[in-house]
Amino acid sequence: MDFLKDLWDFMKVRKKFWLLPIVIVLLTFGALIVFTSGSAIAPFVYTLF
């Protein structure tokens, strides 16, 4: 969680709020791949990439 706090502080200080949607999308895709890696949904997720 320290990494996310440091990332937020970086974006706040440097006014890089345009990075926030990119970070959210990357975290969402990462969580999707991790949580569906052992299920029947996995082949459908991997076709997106």
N, C-alpha and C. Protein backbone atom coordinates (compact mmCIF):
# COMPACT_ATOMS: atom_id res chain seq x y z
N MET A 1 0.81 -1.19 0.00
CA MET A 1 0.00 0.00 0.00
C MET A 1 0.86 1.26 0.00
N ASP A 2 2.08 1.15 0.45
CA ASP A 2 2.97 2.32 0.44
C ASP A 2 3.24 2.78 -0.99
N PHE A 3 3.32 1.82 -1.90
CA PHE A 3 3.56 2.18 -3.30
C PHE A 3 2.42 3.02 -3.85
N LEU A 4 1.20 2.64 -3.55
CA LEU A 4 0.05 3.41 -4.05
C LEU A 4 0.00 4.81 -3.42
N LYS A 5 0.37 4.89 -2.15
CA LYS A 5 0.41 6.20 -1.49
C LYS A 5 1.50 7.07 -2.11
N ASP A 6 2.65 6.49 -2.36
CA ASP A 6 3.74 7.24 -3.00
C ASP A 6 3.36 7.67 -4.41
N LEU A 7 2.68 6.79 -5.13
CA LEU A 7 2.24 7.13 -6.49
C LEU A 7 1.24 8.28 -6.46
N TRP A 8 0.31 8.23 -5.52
CA TRP A 8 -0.68 9.31 -5.39
C TRP A 8 0.00 10.63 -5.03
N ASP A 9 0.95 10.58 -4.10
CA ASP A 9 1.68 11.80 -3.73
C ASP A 9 2.46 12.37 -4.91
N PHE A 10 3.05 11.49 -5.71
CA PHE A 10 3.77 11.94 -6.90
C PHE A 10 2.84 12.65 -7.87
N MET A 11 1.66 12.04 -8.12
CA MET A 11 0.71 12.64 -9.05
C MET A 11 0.16 13.96 -8.52
N LYS A 12 -0.02 14.04 -7.20
CA LYS A 12 -0.56 15.26 -6.61
C LYS A 12 0.46 16.40 -6.66
N VAL A 13 1.71 16.11 -6.34
CA VAL A 13 2.74 17.15 -6.30
C VAL A 13 3.10 17.61 -7.70
N ARG A 14 3.25 16.67 -8.62
CA ARG A 14 3.70 17.01 -9.97
C ARG A 14 2.56 17.33 -10.94
N LYS A 15 1.33 17.29 -10.46
CA LYS A 15 0.14 17.57 -11.28
C LYS A 15 0.05 16.63 -12.48
N LYS A 16 0.26 15.34 -12.24
CA LYS A 16 0.21 14.32 -13.29
C LYS A 16 -1.07 13.49 -13.16
N PHE A 17 -2.20 14.15 -13.01
CA PHE A 17 -3.45 13.43 -12.81
C PHE A 17 -3.90 12.65 -14.05
N TRP A 18 -3.30 12.93 -15.20
CA TRP A 18 -3.65 12.17 -16.40
C TRP A 18 -3.14 10.74 -16.31
N LEU A 19 -2.24 10.45 -15.36
CA LEU A 19 -1.75 9.08 -15.17
C LEU A 19 -2.77 8.20 -14.44
N LEU A 20 -3.70 8.80 -13.73
CA LEU A 20 -4.64 8.04 -12.92
C LEU A 20 -5.49 7.06 -13.74
N PRO A 21 -6.07 7.43 -14.87
CA PRO A 21 -6.84 6.44 -15.64
C PRO A 21 -5.97 5.28 -16.14
N ILE A 22 -4.73 5.56 -16.49
CA ILE A 22 -3.83 4.50 -16.96
C ILE A 22 -3.54 3.52 -15.84
N VAL A 23 -3.28 4.03 -14.65
CA VAL A 23 -3.00 3.17 -13.50
C VAL A 23 -4.22 2.33 -13.15
N ILE A 24 -5.40 2.92 -13.19
CA ILE A 24 -6.62 2.19 -12.86
C ILE A 24 -6.87 1.06 -13.86
N VAL A 25 -6.69 1.33 -15.15
CA VAL A 25 -6.89 0.31 -16.17
C VAL A 25 -5.88 -0.82 -16.01
N LEU A 26 -4.62 -0.49 -15.76
CA LEU A 26 -3.60 -1.52 -15.57
C LEU A 26 -3.89 -2.38 -14.34
N LEU A 27 -4.30 -1.76 -13.25
CA LEU A 27 -4.65 -2.52 -12.05
C LEU A 27 -5.87 -3.41 -12.28
N THR A 28 -6.84 -2.91 -13.04
CA THR A 28 -8.04 -3.70 -13.33
C THR A 28 -7.70 -4.92 -14.18
N PHE A 29 -6.90 -4.72 -15.23
CA PHE A 29 -6.51 -5.85 -16.06
C PHE A 29 -5.65 -6.85 -15.30
N GLY A 30 -4.77 -6.36 -14.45
CA GLY A 30 -3.95 -7.25 -13.64
C GLY A 30 -4.78 -8.09 -12.70
N ALA A 31 -5.74 -7.46 -12.03
CA ALA A 31 -6.63 -8.19 -11.13
C ALA A 31 -7.49 -9.19 -11.89
N LEU A 32 -7.95 -8.81 -13.07
CA LEU A 32 -8.76 -9.71 -13.89
C LEU A 32 -7.98 -10.96 -14.27
N ILE A 33 -6.74 -10.79 -14.67
CA ILE A 33 -5.91 -11.93 -15.05
C ILE A 33 -5.61 -12.81 -13.84
N VAL A 34 -5.30 -12.21 -12.71
CA VAL A 34 -4.98 -12.99 -11.51
C VAL A 34 -6.19 -13.78 -11.01
N PHE A 35 -7.34 -13.14 -10.95
CA PHE A 35 -8.51 -13.80 -10.39
C PHE A 35 -9.15 -14.82 -11.32
N THR A 36 -8.92 -14.72 -12.62
CA THR A 36 -9.53 -15.67 -13.54
C THR A 36 -8.52 -16.68 -14.09
N SER A 37 -7.32 -16.71 -13.55
CA SER A 37 -6.30 -17.60 -14.10
C SER A 37 -6.64 -19.07 -13.91
N GLY A 38 -7.37 -19.42 -12.87
CA GLY A 38 -7.69 -20.82 -12.63
C GLY A 38 -9.12 -21.17 -12.92
N SER A 39 -9.84 -20.34 -13.63
CA SER A 39 -11.26 -20.61 -13.85
C SER A 39 -11.54 -20.89 -15.32
N ALA A 40 -12.79 -21.14 -15.60
CA ALA A 40 -13.22 -21.42 -16.97
C ALA A 40 -13.30 -20.16 -17.81
N ILE A 41 -13.18 -19.00 -17.19
CA ILE A 41 -13.26 -17.73 -17.92
C ILE A 41 -11.91 -17.38 -18.56
N ALA A 42 -10.84 -18.02 -18.09
CA ALA A 42 -9.49 -17.67 -18.53
C ALA A 42 -9.31 -17.66 -20.05
N PRO A 43 -9.79 -18.65 -20.81
CA PRO A 43 -9.58 -18.59 -22.27
C PRO A 43 -10.24 -17.37 -22.91
N PHE A 44 -11.34 -16.91 -22.36
CA PHE A 44 -12.02 -15.74 -22.93
C PHE A 44 -11.29 -14.45 -22.58
N VAL A 45 -10.67 -14.41 -21.41
CA VAL A 45 -9.91 -13.22 -21.02
C VAL A 45 -8.66 -13.09 -21.87
N TYR A 46 -7.98 -14.21 -22.13
CA TYR A 46 -6.74 -14.14 -22.88
C TYR A 46 -6.97 -13.81 -24.35
N THR A 47 -8.19 -14.00 -24.86
CA THR A 47 -8.46 -13.60 -26.24
C THR A 47 -8.56 -12.09 -26.38
N LEU A 48 -8.77 -11.39 -25.27
CA LEU A 48 -8.81 -9.91 -25.33
C LEU A 48 -7.45 -9.32 -25.61
N PHE A 49 -6.39 -10.06 -25.27
CA PHE A 49 -5.05 -9.55 -25.43
C PHE A 49 -4.40 -10.17 -26.63
